[in-house]
Amino acid sequence: MSQEPATGPAATGNEPINIKVVTSQGDEVYFKIKRNTKLTKLRSAYATKVGKDLNSIRFLYDGNRITEEDTPDSLGMDNDDSIDVMVEQVGGHRRRP
């Protein structure tokens, strides 16, 4: 009986997972990202894809804002988890002519 060396995603512990980014309107964008990759990379890719300024959008996972240091692993994310994206609202005061 021969023992095969451990190969594939389970051998590294850093297998890619699929993450869904969902807007408040229900639009979905899918990304494949490694578990130890900082989510800032995903945030930047999403902003570029939808043509938004990165500083104008916020990303939430389980209701908590995603920080620059967060990774799928640090947040305990699983394959096919969702990240909510919100447009940052500034102001709210409208001048009248």
PDB file of N, CA and C in Angstrom:
ATOM      1  N   MET A   1       0.838  -1.169   0.000  1.00  0.00           N
ATOM      2  CA  MET A   1       0.000   0.000   0.000  1.00  0.00           C
ATOM      3  C   MET A   1       0.888   1.240   0.000  1.00  0.00           C
ATOM      4  N   SER A   2       0.667   2.121  -0.974  1.00  0.00           N
ATOM      5  CA  SER A   2       1.501   3.324  -1.030  1.00  0.00           C
ATOM      6  C   SER A   2       0.755   4.515  -0.431  1.00  0.00           C
ATOM      7  N   GLN A   3       1.500   5.327   0.257  1.00  0.00           N
ATOM      8  CA  GLN A   3       0.932   6.542   0.838  1.00  0.00           C
ATOM      9  C   GLN A   3       1.204   7.692  -0.126  1.00  0.00           C
ATOM     10  N   GLU A   4       0.151   8.387  -0.531  1.00  0.00           N
ATOM     11  CA  GLU A   4       0.339   9.536  -1.406  1.00  0.00           C
ATOM     12  C   GLU A   4       0.575  10.777  -0.554  1.00  0.00           C
ATOM     13  N   PRO A   5       1.469  11.655  -0.987  1.00  0.00           N
ATOM     14  CA  PRO A   5       1.689  12.885  -0.230  1.00  0.00           C
ATOM     15  C   PRO A   5       0.441  13.758  -0.260  1.00  0.00           C
ATOM     16  N   ALA A   6       0.257  14.498   0.818  1.00  0.00           N
ATOM     17  CA  ALA A   6      -0.900  15.386   0.886  1.00  0.00           C
ATOM     18  C   ALA A   6      -0.708  16.528  -0.105  1.00  0.00           C
ATOM     19  N   THR A   7      -1.652  16.636  -1.023  1.00  0.00           N
ATOM     20  CA  THR A   7      -1.612  17.714  -2.010  1.00  0.00           C
ATOM     21  C   THR A   7      -2.984  18.339  -2.107  1.00  0.00           C
ATOM     22  N   GLY A   8      -3.070  19.409  -2.857  1.00  0.00           N
ATOM     23  CA  GLY A   8      -4.356  20.068  -3.051  1.00  0.00           C
ATOM     24  C   GLY A   8      -4.621  21.097  -1.970  1.00  0.00           C
ATOM     25  N   PRO A   9      -5.809  21.699  -2.013  1.00  0.00           N
ATOM     26  CA  PRO A   9      -6.138  22.786  -1.106  1.00  0.00           C
ATOM     27  C   PRO A   9      -6.037  22.432   0.372  1.00  0.00           C
ATOM     28  N   ALA A  10      -6.447  21.229   0.755  1.00  0.00           N
ATOM     29  CA  ALA A  10      -6.438  20.862   2.172  1.00  0.00           C
ATOM     30  C   ALA A  10      -5.023  20.798   2.731  1.00  0.00           C
ATOM     31  N   ALA A  11      -4.050  20.572   1.854  1.00  0.00           N
ATOM     32  CA  ALA A  11      -2.673  20.454   2.320  1.00  0.00           C
ATOM     33  C   ALA A  11      -2.107  21.809   2.752  1.00  0.00           C
ATOM     34  N   THR A  12      -2.586  22.890   2.143  1.00  0.00           N
ATOM     35  CA  THR A  12      -2.021  24.204   2.439  1.00  0.00           C
ATOM     36  C   THR A  12      -2.759  24.921   3.554  1.00  0.00           C
ATOM     37  N   GLY A  13      -4.031  24.631   3.727  1.00  0.00           N
ATOM     38  CA  GLY A  13      -4.810  25.361   4.717  1.00  0.00           C
ATOM     39  C   GLY A  13      -5.164  26.753   4.238  1.00  0.00           C
ATOM     40  N   ASN A  14      -4.819  27.067   2.997  1.00  0.00           N
ATOM     41  CA  ASN A  14      -5.094  28.387   2.444  1.00  0.00           C
ATOM     42  C   ASN A  14      -5.863  28.253   1.132  1.00  0.00           C
ATOM     43  N   GLU A  15      -6.780  27.286   1.103  1.00  0.00           N
ATOM     44  CA  GLU A  15      -7.533  27.051  -0.116  1.00  0.00           C
ATOM     45  C   GLU A  15      -8.410  28.255  -0.438  1.00  0.00           C
ATOM     46  N   PRO A  16      -8.589  28.556  -1.721  1.00  0.00           N
ATOM     47  CA  PRO A  16      -9.454  29.673  -2.094  1.00  0.00           C
ATOM     48  C   PRO A  16     -10.904  29.366  -1.735  1.00  0.00           C
ATOM     49  N   ILE A  17     -11.626  30.405  -1.372  1.00  0.00           N
ATOM     50  CA  ILE A  17     -13.056  30.277  -1.137  1.00  0.00           C
ATOM     51  C   ILE A  17     -13.776  31.303  -1.995  1.00  0.00           C
ATOM     52  N   ASN A  18     -15.029  31.039  -2.278  1.00  0.00           N
ATOM     53  CA  ASN A  18     -15.855  31.963  -3.041  1.00  0.00           C
ATOM     54  C   ASN A  18     -16.586  32.879  -2.073  1.00  0.00           C
ATOM     55  N   ILE A  19     -16.510  34.170  -2.334  1.00  0.00           N
ATOM     56  CA  ILE A  19     -17.163  35.176  -1.506  1.00  0.00           C
ATOM     57  C   ILE A  19     -18.102  35.974  -2.395  1.00  0.00           C
ATOM     58  N   LYS A  20     -19.304  36.228  -1.895  1.00  0.00           N
ATOM     59  CA  LYS A  20     -20.294  37.001  -2.630  1.00  0.00           C
ATOM     60  C   LYS A  20     -20.403  38.373  -1.984  1.00  0.00           C
ATOM     61  N   VAL A  21     -20.265  39.437  -2.778  1.00  0.00           N
ATOM     62  CA  VAL A  21     -20.450  40.801  -2.297  1.00  0.00           C
ATOM     63  C   VAL A  21     -21.842  41.239  -2.754  1.00  0.00           C
ATOM     64  N   VAL A  22     -22.684  41.642  -1.790  1.00  0.00           N
ATOM     65  CA  VAL A  22     -24.088  41.943  -2.068  1.00  0.00           C
ATOM     66  C   VAL A  22     -24.406  43.394  -1.722  1.00  0.00           C
ATOM     67  N   THR A  23     -25.033  44.108  -2.662  1.00  0.00           N
ATOM     68  CA  THR A  23     -25.439  45.493  -2.412  1.00  0.00           C
ATOM     69  C   THR A  23     -26.807  45.515  -1.742  1.00  0.00           C
ATOM     70  N   SER A  24     -27.194  46.687  -1.243  1.00  0.00           N
ATOM     71  CA  SER A  24     -28.510  46.821  -0.612  1.00  0.00           C
ATOM     72  C   SER A  24     -29.634  46.652  -1.642  1.00  0.00           C
ATOM     73  N   GLN A  25     -29.313  46.792  -2.929  1.00  0.00           N
ATOM     74  CA  GLN A  25     -30.301  46.573  -3.986  1.00  0.00           C
ATOM     75  C   GLN A  25     -30.382  45.106  -4.408  1.00  0.00           C
ATOM     76  N   GLY A  26     -29.521  44.280  -3.827  1.00  0.00           N
ATOM     77  CA  GLY A  26     -29.540  42.851  -4.129  1.00  0.00           C
ATOM     78  C   GLY A  26     -28.601  42.423  -5.238  1.00  0.00           C
ATOM     79  N   ASP A  27     -27.818  43.365  -5.788  1.00  0.00           N
ATOM     80  CA  ASP A  27     -26.841  43.003  -6.817  1.00  0.00           C
ATOM     81  C   ASP A  27     -25.730  42.178  -6.182  1.00  0.00           C
ATOM     82  N   GLU A  28     -25.239  41.190  -6.911  1.00  0.00           N
ATOM     83  CA  GLU A  28     -24.211  40.296  -6.385  1.00  0.00           C
ATOM     84  C   GLU A  28     -23.002  40.259  -7.304  1.00  0.00           C
ATOM     85  N   VAL A  29     -21.817  40.300  -6.702  1.00  0.00           N
ATOM     86  CA  VAL A  29     -20.561  40.144  -7.432  1.00  0.00           C
ATOM     87  C   VAL A  29     -19.774  39.069  -6.701  1.00  0.00           C
ATOM     88  N   TYR A  30     -19.251  38.106  -7.452  1.00  0.00           N
ATOM     89  CA  TYR A  30     -18.550  36.969  -6.849  1.00  0.00           C
ATOM     90  C   TYR A  30     -17.036  37.104  -7.008  1.00  0.00           C
ATOM     91  N   PHE A  31     -16.327  36.697  -5.952  1.00  0.00           N
ATOM     92  CA  PHE A  31     -14.872  36.701  -5.959  1.00  0.00           C
ATOM     93  C   PHE A  31     -14.373  35.379  -5.410  1.00  0.00           C
ATOM     94  N   LYS A  32     -13.220  34.947  -5.913  1.00  0.00           N
ATOM     95  CA  LYS A  32     -12.523  33.794  -5.342  1.00  0.00           C
ATOM     96  C   LYS A  32     -11.269  34.358  -4.698  1.00  0.00           C
ATOM     97  N   ILE A  33     -11.076  34.052  -3.424  1.00  0.00           N
ATOM     98  CA  ILE A  33      -9.972  34.645  -2.678  1.00  0.00           C
ATOM     99  C   ILE A  33      -9.395  33.612  -1.718  1.00  0.00           C
ATOM    100  N   LYS A  34      -8.084  33.659  -1.525  1.00  0.00           N
ATOM    101  CA  LYS A  34      -7.456  32.734  -0.576  1.00  0.00           C
ATOM    102  C   LYS A  34      -7.783  33.162   0.847  1.00  0.00           C
ATOM    103  N   ARG A  35      -7.784  32.206   1.737  1.00  0.00           N
ATOM    104  CA  ARG A  35      -8.193  32.453   3.124  1.00  0.00           C
ATOM    105  C   ARG A  35      -7.315  33.440   3.875  1.00  0.00           C
ATOM    106  N   ASN A  36      -6.026  33.544   3.501  1.00  0.00           N
ATOM    107  CA  ASN A  36      -5.155  34.457   4.241  1.00  0.00           C
ATOM    108  C   ASN A  36      -4.881  35.768   3.501  1.00  0.00           C
ATOM    109  N   THR A  37      -5.605  36.004   2.409  1.00  0.00           N
ATOM    110  CA  THR A  37      -5.457  37.253   1.665  1.00  0.00           C
ATOM    111  C   THR A  37      -6.265  38.349   2.354  1.00  0.00           C
ATOM    112  N   LYS A  38      -5.650  39.506   2.552  1.00  0.00           N
ATOM    113  CA  LYS A  38      -6.365  40.604   3.201  1.00  0.00           C
ATOM    114  C   LYS A  38      -7.543  41.030   2.326  1.00  0.00           C
ATOM    115  N   LEU A  39      -8.659  41.292   2.990  1.00  0.00           N
ATOM    116  CA  LEU A  39      -9.875  41.641   2.267  1.00  0.00           C
ATOM    117  C   LEU A  39      -9.796  43.017   1.612  1.00  0.00           C
ATOM    118  N   THR A  40      -8.749  43.788   1.905  1.00  0.00           N
ATOM    119  CA  THR A  40      -8.573  45.063   1.208  1.00  0.00           C
ATOM    120  C   THR A  40      -8.391  44.820  -0.285  1.00  0.00           C
ATOM    121  N   LYS A  41      -7.811  43.693  -0.632  1.00  0.00           N
ATOM    122  CA  LYS A  41      -7.622  43.340  -2.040  1.00  0.00           C
ATOM    123  C   LYS A  41      -8.985  43.129  -2.712  1.00  0.00           C
ATOM    124  N   LEU A  42      -9.882  42.439  -2.032  1.00  0.00           N
ATOM    125  CA  LEU A  42     -11.231  42.224  -2.548  1.00  0.00           C
ATOM    126  C   LEU A  42     -11.983  43.554  -2.627  1.00  0.00           C
ATOM    127  N   ARG A  43     -11.842  44.390  -1.593  1.00  0.00           N
ATOM    128  CA  ARG A  43     -12.519  45.696  -1.570  1.00  0.00           C
ATOM    129  C   ARG A  43     -12.090  46.541  -2.759  1.00  0.00           C
ATOM    130  N   SER A  44     -10.790  46.568  -3.015  1.00  0.00           N
ATOM    131  CA  SER A  44     -10.251  47.349  -4.119  1.00  0.00           C
ATOM    132  C   SER A  44     -10.742  46.812  -5.468  1.00  0.00           C
ATOM    133  N   ALA A  45     -10.728  45.493  -5.613  1.00  0.00           N
ATOM    134  CA  ALA A  45     -11.195  44.873  -6.857  1.00  0.00           C
ATOM    135  C   ALA A  45     -12.674  45.170  -7.080  1.00  0.00           C
ATOM    136  N   TYR A  46     -13.472  45.131  -6.013  1.00  0.00           N
ATOM    137  CA  TYR A  46     -14.903  45.428  -6.134  1.00  0.00           C
ATOM    138  C   TYR A  46     -15.115  46.882  -6.558  1.00  0.00           C
ATOM    139  N   ALA A  47     -14.419  47.811  -5.909  1.00  0.00           N
ATOM    140  CA  ALA A  47     -14.573  49.235  -6.227  1.00  0.00           C
ATOM    141  C   ALA A  47     -14.225  49.499  -7.694  1.00  0.00           C
ATOM    142  N   THR A  48     -13.154  48.886  -8.163  1.00  0.00           N
ATOM    143  CA  THR A  48     -12.752  49.045  -9.558  1.00  0.00           C
ATOM    144  C   THR A  48     -13.808  48.470 -10.492  1.00  0.00           C
ATOM    145  N   LYS A  49     -14.313  47.305 -10.150  1.00  0.00           N
ATOM    146  CA  LYS A  49     -15.293  46.616 -11.002  1.00  0.00           C
ATOM    147  C   LYS A  49     -16.586  47.410 -11.153  1.00  0.00           C
ATOM    148  N   VAL A  50     -17.035  48.048 -10.075  1.00  0.00           N
ATOM    149  CA  VAL A  50     -18.308  48.779 -10.132  1.00  0.00           C
ATOM    150  C   VAL A  50     -18.104  50.281 -10.369  1.00  0.00           C
ATOM    151  N   GLY A  51     -16.846  50.723 -10.474  1.00  0.00           N
ATOM    152  CA  GLY A  51     -16.570  52.117 -10.772  1.00  0.00           C
ATOM    153  C   GLY A  51     -16.860  53.077  -9.630  1.00  0.00           C
ATOM    154  N   LYS A  52     -16.644  52.619  -8.401  1.00  0.00           N
ATOM    155  CA  LYS A  52     -16.865  53.463  -7.218  1.00  0.00           C
ATOM    156  C   LYS A  52     -15.529  53.806  -6.574  1.00  0.00           C
ATOM    157  N   ASP A  53     -15.513  54.933  -5.871  1.00  0.00           N
ATOM    158  CA  ASP A  53     -14.343  55.320  -5.089  1.00  0.00           C
ATOM    159  C   ASP A  53     -14.307  54.430  -3.844  1.00  0.00           C
ATOM    160  N   LEU A  54     -13.172  53.819  -3.582  1.00  0.00           N
ATOM    161  CA  LEU A  54     -13.038  52.907  -2.448  1.00  0.00           C
ATOM    162  C   LEU A  54     -13.425  53.576  -1.135  1.00  0.00           C
ATOM    163  N   ASN A  55     -13.165  54.868  -1.005  1.00  0.00           N
ATOM    164  CA  ASN A  55     -13.496  55.580   0.227  1.00  0.00           C
ATOM    165  C   ASN A  55     -14.979  55.869   0.379  1.00  0.00           C
ATOM    166  N   SER A  56     -15.753  55.624  -0.665  1.00  0.00           N
ATOM    167  CA  SER A  56     -17.186  55.922  -0.592  1.00  0.00           C
ATOM    168  C   SER A  56     -18.028  54.686  -0.279  1.00  0.00           C
ATOM    169  N   ILE A  57     -17.383  53.539  -0.124  1.00  0.00           N
ATOM    170  CA  ILE A  57     -18.146  52.320   0.158  1.00  0.00           C
ATOM    171  C   ILE A  57     -17.603  51.617   1.397  1.00  0.00           C
ATOM    172  N   ARG A  58     -18.497  50.949   2.111  1.00  0.00           N
ATOM    173  CA  ARG A  58     -18.141  50.221   3.330  1.00  0.00           C
ATOM    174  C   ARG A  58     -18.558  48.768   3.167  1.00  0.00           C
ATOM    175  N   PHE A  59     -17.733  47.879   3.718  1.00  0.00           N
ATOM    176  CA  PHE A  59     -17.981  46.444   3.632  1.00  0.00           C
ATOM    177  C   PHE A  59     -18.249  45.890   5.021  1.00  0.00           C
ATOM    178  N   LEU A  60     -19.294  45.076   5.128  1.00  0.00           N
ATOM    179  CA  LEU A  60     -19.686  44.499   6.409  1.00  0.00           C
ATOM    180  C   LEU A  60     -19.788  42.989   6.289  1.00  0.00           C
ATOM    181  N   TYR A  61     -19.325  42.311   7.326  1.00  0.00           N
ATOM    182  CA  TYR A  61     -19.498  40.860   7.416  1.00  0.00           C
ATOM    183  C   TYR A  61     -20.158  40.570   8.755  1.00  0.00           C
ATOM    184  N   ASP A  62     -21.286  39.915   8.721  1.00  0.00           N
ATOM    185  CA  ASP A  62     -22.076  39.633   9.931  1.00  0.00           C
ATOM    186  C   ASP A  62     -22.352  40.917  10.723  1.00  0.00           C
ATOM    187  N   GLY A  63     -22.583  42.015  10.004  1.00  0.00           N
ATOM    188  CA  GLY A  63     -22.934  43.275  10.642  1.00  0.00           C
ATOM    189  C   GLY A  63     -21.765  44.091  11.150  1.00  0.00           C
ATOM    190  N   ASN A  64     -20.545  43.570  11.029  1.00  0.00           N
ATOM    191  CA  ASN A  64     -19.354  44.279  11.504  1.00  0.00           C
ATOM    192  C   ASN A  64     -18.540  44.799  10.324  1.00  0.00           C
ATOM    193  N   ARG A  65     -18.036  46.014  10.458  1.00  0.00           N
ATOM    194  CA  ARG A  65     -17.239  46.601   9.391  1.00  0.00           C
ATOM    195  C   ARG A  65     -15.947  45.820   9.212  1.00  0.00           C
ATOM    196  N   ILE A  66     -15.591  45.572   7.977  1.00  0.00           N
ATOM    197  CA  ILE A  66     -14.345  44.876   7.652  1.00  0.00           C
ATOM    198  C   ILE A  66     -13.208  45.895   7.700  1.00  0.00           C
ATOM    199  N   THR A  67     -12.135  45.535   8.401  1.00  0.00           N
ATOM    200  CA  THR A  67     -10.985  46.430   8.527  1.00  0.00           C
ATOM    201  C   THR A  67      -9.911  46.053   7.510  1.00  0.00           C
ATOM    202  N   GLU A  68      -8.878  46.884   7.435  1.00  0.00           N
ATOM    203  CA  GLU A  68      -7.796  46.645   6.490  1.00  0.00           C
ATOM    204  C   GLU A  68      -7.007  45.381   6.796  1.00  0.00           C
ATOM    205  N   GLU A  69      -7.008  44.946   8.039  1.00  0.00           N
ATOM    206  CA  GLU A  69      -6.230  43.771   8.429  1.00  0.00           C
ATOM    207  C   GLU A  69      -7.011  42.462   8.334  1.00  0.00           C
ATOM    208  N   ASP A  70      -8.320  42.521   8.114  1.00  0.00           N
ATOM    209  CA  ASP A  70      -9.147  41.313   8.105  1.00  0.00           C
ATOM    210  C   ASP A  70      -8.869  40.434   6.897  1.00  0.00           C
ATOM    211  N   THR A  71      -8.927  39.119   7.138  1.00  0.00           N
ATOM    212  CA  THR A  71      -8.826  38.112   6.086  1.00  0.00           C
ATOM    213  C   THR A  71     -10.030  37.185   6.241  1.00  0.00           C
ATOM    214  N   PRO A  72     -10.360  36.397   5.220  1.00  0.00           N
ATOM    215  CA  PRO A  72     -11.449  35.426   5.404  1.00  0.00           C
ATOM    216  C   PRO A  72     -11.200  34.512   6.603  1.00  0.00           C
ATOM    217  N   ASP A  73      -9.931  34.118   6.806  1.00  0.00           N
ATOM    218  CA  ASP A  73      -9.578  33.251   7.928  1.00  0.00           C
ATOM    219  C   ASP A  73      -9.811  33.940   9.273  1.00  0.00           C
ATOM    220  N   SER A  74      -9.373  35.203   9.384  1.00  0.00           N
ATOM    221  CA  SER A  74      -9.511  35.906  10.660  1.00  0.00           C
ATOM    222  C   SER A  74     -10.970  36.162  11.022  1.00  0.00           C
ATOM    223  N   LEU A  75     -11.835  36.224  10.014  1.00  0.00           N
ATOM    224  CA  LEU A  75     -13.263  36.444  10.258  1.00  0.00           C
ATOM    225  C   LEU A  75     -14.049  35.137  10.343  1.00  0.00           C
ATOM    226  N   GLY A  76     -13.377  34.009  10.129  1.00  0.00           N
ATOM    227  CA  GLY A  76     -14.049  32.711  10.182  1.00  0.00           C
ATOM    228  C   GLY A  76     -15.016  32.500   9.030  1.00  0.00           C
ATOM    229  N   MET A  77     -14.686  33.057   7.876  1.00  0.00           N
ATOM    230  CA  MET A  77     -15.573  32.942   6.715  1.00  0.00           C
ATOM    231  C   MET A  77     -15.510  31.547   6.118  1.00  0.00           C
ATOM    232  N   ASP A  78     -16.638  31.130   5.561  1.00  0.00           N
ATOM    233  CA  ASP A  78     -16.736  29.847   4.876  1.00  0.00           C
ATOM    234  C   ASP A  78     -16.999  30.091   3.396  1.00  0.00           C
ATOM    235  N   ASN A  79     -16.850  29.043   2.612  1.00  0.00           N
ATOM    236  CA  ASN A  79     -17.132  29.117   1.188  1.00  0.00           C
ATOM    237  C   ASN A  79     -18.570  29.594   0.974  1.00  0.00           C
ATOM    238  N   ASP A  80     -18.763  30.487   0.015  1.00  0.00           N
ATOM    239  CA  ASP A  80     -20.070  31.044  -0.366  1.00  0.00           C
ATOM    240  C   ASP A  80     -20.675  31.985   0.674  1.00  0.00           C
ATOM    241  N   ASP A  81     -19.860  32.497   1.613  1.00  0.00           N
ATOM    242  CA  ASP A  81     -20.354  33.519   2.537  1.00  0.00           C
ATOM    243  C   ASP A  81     -20.562  34.831   1.778  1.00  0.00           C
ATOM    244  N   SER A  82     -21.337  35.721   2.391  1.00  0.00           N
ATOM    245  CA  SER A  82     -21.653  37.011   1.771  1.00  0.00           C
ATOM    246  C   SER A  82     -21.074  38.165   2.575  1.00  0.00           C
ATOM    247  N   ILE A  83     -20.632  39.168   1.853  1.00  0.00           N
ATOM    248  CA  ILE A  83     -20.210  40.440   2.433  1.00  0.00           C
ATOM    249  C   ILE A  83     -21.210  41.480   1.934  1.00  0.00           C
ATOM    250  N   ASP A  84     -21.701  42.308   2.845  1.00  0.00           N
ATOM    251  CA  ASP A  84     -22.614  43.380   2.460  1.00  0.00           C
ATOM    252  C   ASP A  84     -21.811  44.624   2.142  1.00  0.00           C
ATOM    253  N   VAL A  85     -22.183  45.318   1.079  1.00  0.00           N
ATOM    254  CA  VAL A  85     -21.515  46.558   0.716  1.00  0.00           C
ATOM    255  C   VAL A  85     -22.528  47.692   0.796  1.00  0.00           C
ATOM    256  N   MET A  86     -22.113  48.788   1.416  1.00  0.00           N
ATOM    257  CA  MET A  86     -22.966  49.960   1.600  1.00  0.00           C
ATOM    258  C   MET A  86     -22.259  51.189   1.034  1.00  0.00           C
ATOM    259  N   VAL A  87     -23.035  52.068   0.422  1.00  0.00           N
ATOM    260  CA  VAL A  87     -22.474  53.339  -0.031  1.00  0.00           C
ATOM    261  C   VAL A  87     -22.467  54.273   1.164  1.00  0.00           C
ATOM    262  N   GLU A  88     -21.283  54.835   1.432  1.00  0.00           N
ATOM    263  CA  GLU A  88     -21.134  55.761   2.558  1.00  0.00           C
ATOM    264  C   GLU A  88     -21.930  57.020   2.258  1.00  0.00           C
ATOM    265  N   GLN A  89     -22.795  57.388   3.175  1.00  0.00           N
ATOM    266  CA  GLN A  89     -23.609  58.581   2.980  1.00  0.00           C
ATOM    267  C   GLN A  89     -22.981  59.731   3.741  1.00  0.00           C
ATOM    268  N   VAL A  90     -22.727  60.795   3.034  1.00  0.00           N
ATOM    269  CA  VAL A  90     -22.119  61.965   3.636  1.00  0.00           C
ATOM    270  C   VAL A  90     -23.136  63.093   3.624  1.00  0.00           C
ATOM    271  N   GLY A  91     -23.195  63.806   4.716  1.00  0.00           N
ATOM    272  CA  GLY A  91     -24.080  64.977   4.759  1.00  0.00           C
ATOM    273  C   GLY A  91     -25.509  64.609   5.072  1.00  0.00           C
ATOM    274  N   GLY A  92     -26.401  65.036   4.218  1.00  0.00           N
ATOM    275  CA  GLY A  92     -27.812  64.833   4.479  1.00  0.00           C
ATOM    276  C   GLY A  92     -28.524  66.170   4.543  1.00  0.00           C
ATOM    277  N   HIS A  93     -27.742  67.225   4.549  1.00  0.00           N
ATOM    278  CA  HIS A  93     -28.305  68.573   4.568  1.00  0.00           C
ATOM    279  C   HIS A  93     -28.330  69.098   3.147  1.00  0.00           C
ATOM    280  N   ARG A  94     -29.480  69.544   2.727  1.00  0.00           N
ATOM    281  CA  ARG A  94     -29.611  70.064   1.375  1.00  0.00           C
ATOM    282  C   ARG A  94     -29.961  71.542   1.433  1.00  0.00           C
ATOM    283  N   ARG A  95     -29.191  72.329   0.755  1.00  0.00           N
ATOM    284  CA  ARG A  95     -29.503  73.762   0.716  1.00  0.00           C
ATOM    285  C   ARG A  95     -30.666  74.034  -0.211  1.00  0.00           C
ATOM    286  N   ARG A  96     -31.447  74.971   0.205  1.00  0.00           N
ATOM    287  CA  ARG A  96     -32.545  75.387  -0.667  1.00  0.00           C
ATOM    288  C   ARG A  96     -32.187  76.734  -1.279  1.00  0.00           C
ATOM    289  N   PRO A  97     -32.480  76.905  -2.551  1.00  0.00           N
ATOM    290  CA  PRO A  97     -32.141  78.170  -3.213  1.00  0.00           C
ATOM    291  C   PRO A  97     -32.922  79.350  -2.670  1.00  0.00           C
TER     292      PRO A  97
END
